[in-house]
Amino acid sequence: MKRVEIPFSSNSGEQQAMAASGGCISFKPNGKVVFQFPSQEHYESYKSLIKGDK
């Protein structure tokens, strides 16, 4: 499975959706903070949760 990374969001609702969908907050070697999901399926779950949140 290929990991999916998207830019970090300071929005607490998006952080909760990220955690609920199996994602985590990661730091890239260059210091950039990202949301990381173990698969596209987890990322799709995150997007579904975000749509329901708004």
PDB file of N, CA and C in Angstrom:
ATOM      1  N   MET A   1       0.841  -1.197   0.000  1.00  0.00           N
ATOM      2  CA  MET A   1       0.000   0.000   0.000  1.00  0.00           C
ATOM      3  C   MET A   1       0.878   1.250   0.000  1.00  0.00           C
ATOM      4  N   LYS A   2       0.414   2.230  -0.681  1.00  0.00           N
ATOM      5  CA  LYS A   2       1.145   3.495  -0.750  1.00  0.00           C
ATOM      6  C   LYS A   2       0.565   4.475   0.256  1.00  0.00           C
ATOM      7  N   ARG A   3       1.430   5.091   1.043  1.00  0.00           N
ATOM      8  CA  ARG A   3       0.984   6.101   2.001  1.00  0.00           C
ATOM      9  C   ARG A   3       0.546   7.367   1.270  1.00  0.00           C
ATOM     10  N   VAL A   4      -0.372   8.077   1.898  1.00  0.00           N
ATOM     11  CA  VAL A   4      -0.859   9.338   1.351  1.00  0.00           C
ATOM     12  C   VAL A   4      -0.503  10.434   2.350  1.00  0.00           C
ATOM     13  N   GLU A   5       0.075  11.518   1.857  1.00  0.00           N
ATOM     14  CA  GLU A   5       0.408  12.668   2.693  1.00  0.00           C
ATOM     15  C   GLU A   5      -0.286  13.897   2.160  1.00  0.00           C
ATOM     16  N   ILE A   6      -0.826  14.688   3.085  1.00  0.00           N
ATOM     17  CA  ILE A   6      -1.445  15.965   2.728  1.00  0.00           C
ATOM     18  C   ILE A   6      -0.931  17.012   3.711  1.00  0.00           C
ATOM     19  N   PRO A   7      -1.039  18.284   3.379  1.00  0.00           N
ATOM     20  CA  PRO A   7      -0.566  19.322   4.292  1.00  0.00           C
ATOM     21  C   PRO A   7      -1.290  19.275   5.640  1.00  0.00           C
ATOM     22  N   PHE A   8      -0.567  19.613   6.683  1.00  0.00           N
ATOM     23  CA  PHE A   8      -1.112  19.688   8.035  1.00  0.00           C
ATOM     24  C   PHE A   8      -2.196  20.759   8.106  1.00  0.00           C
ATOM     25  N   SER A   9      -3.203  20.515   8.929  1.00  0.00           N
ATOM     26  CA  SER A   9      -4.242  21.507   9.185  1.00  0.00           C
ATOM     27  C   SER A   9      -4.340  21.720  10.686  1.00  0.00           C
ATOM     28  N   SER A  10      -4.419  22.974  11.096  1.00  0.00           N
ATOM     29  CA  SER A  10      -4.577  23.282  12.518  1.00  0.00           C
ATOM     30  C   SER A  10      -6.037  23.218  12.950  1.00  0.00           C
ATOM     31  N   ASN A  11      -6.946  22.945  12.015  1.00  0.00           N
ATOM     32  CA  ASN A  11      -8.369  22.829  12.306  1.00  0.00           C
ATOM     33  C   ASN A  11      -8.612  21.571  13.147  1.00  0.00           C
ATOM     34  N   SER A  12      -9.198  21.741  14.322  1.00  0.00           N
ATOM     35  CA  SER A  12      -9.379  20.595  15.230  1.00  0.00           C
ATOM     36  C   SER A  12     -10.326  19.541  14.656  1.00  0.00           C
ATOM     37  N   GLY A  13     -11.340  19.940  13.898  1.00  0.00           N
ATOM     38  CA  GLY A  13     -12.243  18.987  13.270  1.00  0.00           C
ATOM     39  C   GLY A  13     -11.518  18.123  12.250  1.00  0.00           C
ATOM     40  N   GLU A  14     -10.629  18.727  11.483  1.00  0.00           N
ATOM     41  CA  GLU A  14      -9.851  17.970  10.506  1.00  0.00           C
ATOM     42  C   GLU A  14      -8.850  17.051  11.193  1.00  0.00           C
ATOM     43  N   GLN A  15      -8.294  17.500  12.317  1.00  0.00           N
ATOM     44  CA  GLN A  15      -7.374  16.643  13.070  1.00  0.00           C
ATOM     45  C   GLN A  15      -8.107  15.445  13.651  1.00  0.00           C
ATOM     46  N   GLN A  16      -9.317  15.658  14.149  1.00  0.00           N
ATOM     47  CA  GLN A  16     -10.101  14.552  14.698  1.00  0.00           C
ATOM     48  C   GLN A  16     -10.478  13.563  13.598  1.00  0.00           C
ATOM     49  N   ALA A  17     -10.852  14.067  12.425  1.00  0.00           N
ATOM     50  CA  ALA A  17     -11.192  13.197  11.298  1.00  0.00           C
ATOM     51  C   ALA A  17      -9.964  12.404  10.852  1.00  0.00           C
ATOM     52  N   MET A  18      -8.806  13.040  10.858  1.00  0.00           N
ATOM     53  CA  MET A  18      -7.567  12.363  10.483  1.00  0.00           C
ATOM     54  C   MET A  18      -7.295  11.204  11.437  1.00  0.00           C
ATOM     55  N   ALA A  19      -7.419  11.449  12.735  1.00  0.00           N
ATOM     56  CA  ALA A  19      -7.170  10.400  13.730  1.00  0.00           C
ATOM     57  C   ALA A  19      -8.215   9.286  13.628  1.00  0.00           C
ATOM     58  N   ALA A  20      -9.472   9.654  13.438  1.00  0.00           N
ATOM     59  CA  ALA A  20     -10.553   8.665  13.356  1.00  0.00           C
ATOM     60  C   ALA A  20     -10.426   7.773  12.123  1.00  0.00           C
ATOM     61  N   SER A  21      -9.799   8.281  11.079  1.00  0.00           N
ATOM     62  CA  SER A  21      -9.663   7.507   9.847  1.00  0.00           C
ATOM     63  C   SER A  21      -8.357   6.717   9.797  1.00  0.00           C
ATOM     64  N   GLY A  22      -7.584   6.768  10.871  1.00  0.00           N
ATOM     65  CA  GLY A  22      -6.353   5.975  10.925  1.00  0.00           C
ATOM     66  C   GLY A  22      -5.105   6.721  10.512  1.00  0.00           C
ATOM     67  N   GLY A  23      -5.194   8.036  10.383  1.00  0.00           N
ATOM     68  CA  GLY A  23      -4.037   8.832  10.003  1.00  0.00           C
ATOM     69  C   GLY A  23      -3.229   9.267  11.211  1.00  0.00           C
ATOM     70  N   CYS A  24      -2.120   9.934  10.935  1.00  0.00           N
ATOM     71  CA  CYS A  24      -1.286  10.478  12.006  1.00  0.00           C
ATOM     72  C   CYS A  24      -0.618  11.758  11.513  1.00  0.00           C
ATOM     73  N   ILE A  25      -0.101  12.514  12.461  1.00  0.00           N
ATOM     74  CA  ILE A  25       0.658  13.722  12.139  1.00  0.00           C
ATOM     75  C   ILE A  25       2.120  13.310  12.072  1.00  0.00           C
ATOM     76  N   SER A  26       2.786  13.657  10.982  1.00  0.00           N
ATOM     77  CA  SER A  26       4.182  13.279  10.768  1.00  0.00           C
ATOM     78  C   SER A  26       5.018  14.506  10.432  1.00  0.00           C
ATOM     79  N   PHE A  27       6.312  14.364  10.673  1.00  0.00           N
ATOM     80  CA  PHE A  27       7.270  15.410  10.338  1.00  0.00           C
ATOM     81  C   PHE A  27       8.177  14.900   9.225  1.00  0.00           C
ATOM     82  N   LYS A  28       8.258  15.659   8.146  1.00  0.00           N
ATOM     83  CA  LYS A  28       9.130  15.319   7.031  1.00  0.00           C
ATOM     84  C   LYS A  28      10.572  15.663   7.425  1.00  0.00           C
ATOM     85  N   PRO A  29      11.566  15.098   6.735  1.00  0.00           N
ATOM     86  CA  PRO A  29      12.967  15.424   7.047  1.00  0.00           C
ATOM     87  C   PRO A  29      13.286  16.920   6.965  1.00  0.00           C
ATOM     88  N   ASN A  30      12.530  17.640   6.134  1.00  0.00           N
ATOM     89  CA  ASN A  30      12.763  19.082   5.998  1.00  0.00           C
ATOM     90  C   ASN A  30      12.039  19.901   7.072  1.00  0.00           C
ATOM     91  N   GLY A  31      11.344  19.212   8.009  1.00  0.00           N
ATOM     92  CA  GLY A  31      10.645  19.897   9.092  1.00  0.00           C
ATOM     93  C   GLY A  31       9.190  20.194   8.816  1.00  0.00           C
ATOM     94  N   LYS A  32       8.740  19.946   7.599  1.00  0.00           N
ATOM     95  CA  LYS A  32       7.347  20.195   7.238  1.00  0.00           C
ATOM     96  C   LYS A  32       6.444  19.199   7.971  1.00  0.00           C
ATOM     97  N   VAL A  33       5.308  19.697   8.477  1.00  0.00           N
ATOM     98  CA  VAL A  33       4.345  18.860   9.190  1.00  0.00           C
ATOM     99  C   VAL A  33       3.236  18.460   8.221  1.00  0.00           C
ATOM    100  N   VAL A  34       2.883  17.181   8.218  1.00  0.00           N
ATOM    101  CA  VAL A  34       1.864  16.662   7.298  1.00  0.00           C
ATOM    102  C   VAL A  34       0.921  15.708   8.030  1.00  0.00           C
ATOM    103  N   PHE A  35      -0.251  15.516   7.442  1.00  0.00           N
ATOM    104  CA  PHE A  35      -1.122  14.418   7.827  1.00  0.00           C
ATOM    105  C   PHE A  35      -0.698  13.247   6.950  1.00  0.00           C
ATOM    106  N   GLN A  36      -0.553  12.082   7.549  1.00  0.00           N
ATOM    107  CA  GLN A  36      -0.145  10.913   6.788  1.00  0.00           C
ATOM    108  C   GLN A  36      -1.152   9.786   7.016  1.00  0.00           C
ATOM    109  N   PHE A  37      -1.556   9.155   5.928  1.00  0.00           N
ATOM    110  CA  PHE A  37      -2.512   8.049   5.969  1.00  0.00           C
ATOM    111  C   PHE A  37      -1.826   6.804   5.416  1.00  0.00           C
ATOM    112  N   PRO A  38      -2.069   5.630   6.025  1.00  0.00           N
ATOM    113  CA  PRO A  38      -1.389   4.425   5.567  1.00  0.00           C
ATOM    114  C   PRO A  38      -1.807   3.945   4.184  1.00  0.00           C
ATOM    115  N   SER A  39      -2.959   4.396   3.686  1.00  0.00           N
ATOM    116  CA  SER A  39      -3.424   3.966   2.359  1.00  0.00           C
ATOM    117  C   SER A  39      -4.413   4.981   1.800  1.00  0.00           C
ATOM    118  N   GLN A  40      -4.711   4.834   0.518  1.00  0.00           N
ATOM    119  CA  GLN A  40      -5.708   5.681  -0.137  1.00  0.00           C
ATOM    120  C   GLN A  40      -7.075   5.472   0.511  1.00  0.00           C
ATOM    121  N   GLU A  41      -7.354   4.246   0.928  1.00  0.00           N
ATOM    122  CA  GLU A  41      -8.632   3.934   1.574  1.00  0.00           C
ATOM    123  C   GLU A  41      -8.811   4.744   2.864  1.00  0.00           C
ATOM    124  N   HIS A  42      -7.747   4.850   3.644  1.00  0.00           N
ATOM    125  CA  HIS A  42      -7.810   5.643   4.872  1.00  0.00           C
ATOM    126  C   HIS A  42      -8.026   7.128   4.548  1.00  0.00           C
ATOM    127  N   TYR A  43      -7.357   7.594   3.500  1.00  0.00           N
ATOM    128  CA  TYR A  43      -7.515   8.991   3.090  1.00  0.00           C
ATOM    129  C   TYR A  43      -8.946   9.267   2.619  1.00  0.00           C
ATOM    130  N   GLU A  44      -9.531   8.322   1.880  1.00  0.00           N
ATOM    131  CA  GLU A  44     -10.913   8.484   1.432  1.00  0.00           C
ATOM    132  C   GLU A  44     -11.866   8.541   2.623  1.00  0.00           C
ATOM    133  N   SER A  45     -11.587   7.744   3.641  1.00  0.00           N
ATOM    134  CA  SER A  45     -12.384   7.773   4.864  1.00  0.00           C
ATOM    135  C   SER A  45     -12.293   9.158   5.517  1.00  0.00           C
ATOM    136  N   TYR A  46     -11.092   9.711   5.559  1.00  0.00           N
ATOM    137  CA  TYR A  46     -10.876  11.064   6.096  1.00  0.00           C
ATOM    138  C   TYR A  46     -11.718  12.081   5.324  1.00  0.00           C
ATOM    139  N   LYS A  47     -11.682  12.018   3.998  1.00  0.00           N
ATOM    140  CA  LYS A  47     -12.441  12.970   3.189  1.00  0.00           C
ATOM    141  C   LYS A  47     -13.929  12.849   3.455  1.00  0.00           C
ATOM    142  N   SER A  48     -14.417  11.608   3.630  1.00  0.00           N
ATOM    143  CA  SER A  48     -15.840  11.407   3.940  1.00  0.00           C
ATOM    144  C   SER A  48     -16.198  12.037   5.285  1.00  0.00           C
ATOM    145  N   LEU A  49     -15.330  11.875   6.263  1.00  0.00           N
ATOM    146  CA  LEU A  49     -15.587  12.456   7.577  1.00  0.00           C
ATOM    147  C   LEU A  49     -15.585  13.985   7.513  1.00  0.00           C
ATOM    148  N   ILE A  50     -14.687  14.543   6.710  1.00  0.00           N
ATOM    149  CA  ILE A  50     -14.633  16.006   6.560  1.00  0.00           C
ATOM    150  C   ILE A  50     -15.908  16.531   5.915  1.00  0.00           C
ATOM    151  N   LYS A  51     -16.399  15.849   4.896  1.00  0.00           N
ATOM    152  CA  LYS A  51     -17.647  16.284   4.240  1.00  0.00           C
ATOM    153  C   LYS A  51     -18.806  16.289   5.227  1.00  0.00           C
ATOM    154  N   GLY A  52     -18.855  15.301   6.090  1.00  0.00           N
ATOM    155  CA  GLY A  52     -19.916  15.224   7.096  1.00  0.00           C
ATOM    156  C   GLY A  52     -19.756  16.263   8.175  1.00  0.00           C
ATOM    157  N   ASP A  53     -18.526  16.743   8.370  1.00  0.00           N
ATOM    158  CA  ASP A  53     -18.227  17.723   9.424  1.00  0.00           C
ATOM    159  C   ASP A  53     -18.649  19.128   9.033  1.00  0.00           C
ATOM    160  N   LYS A  54     -18.680  19.395   7.723  1.00  0.00           N
ATOM    161  CA  LYS A  54     -18.970  20.765   7.277  1.00  0.00           C
ATOM    162  C   LYS A  54     -20.425  20.960   6.953  1.00  0.00           C
TER     163      LYS A  54
END
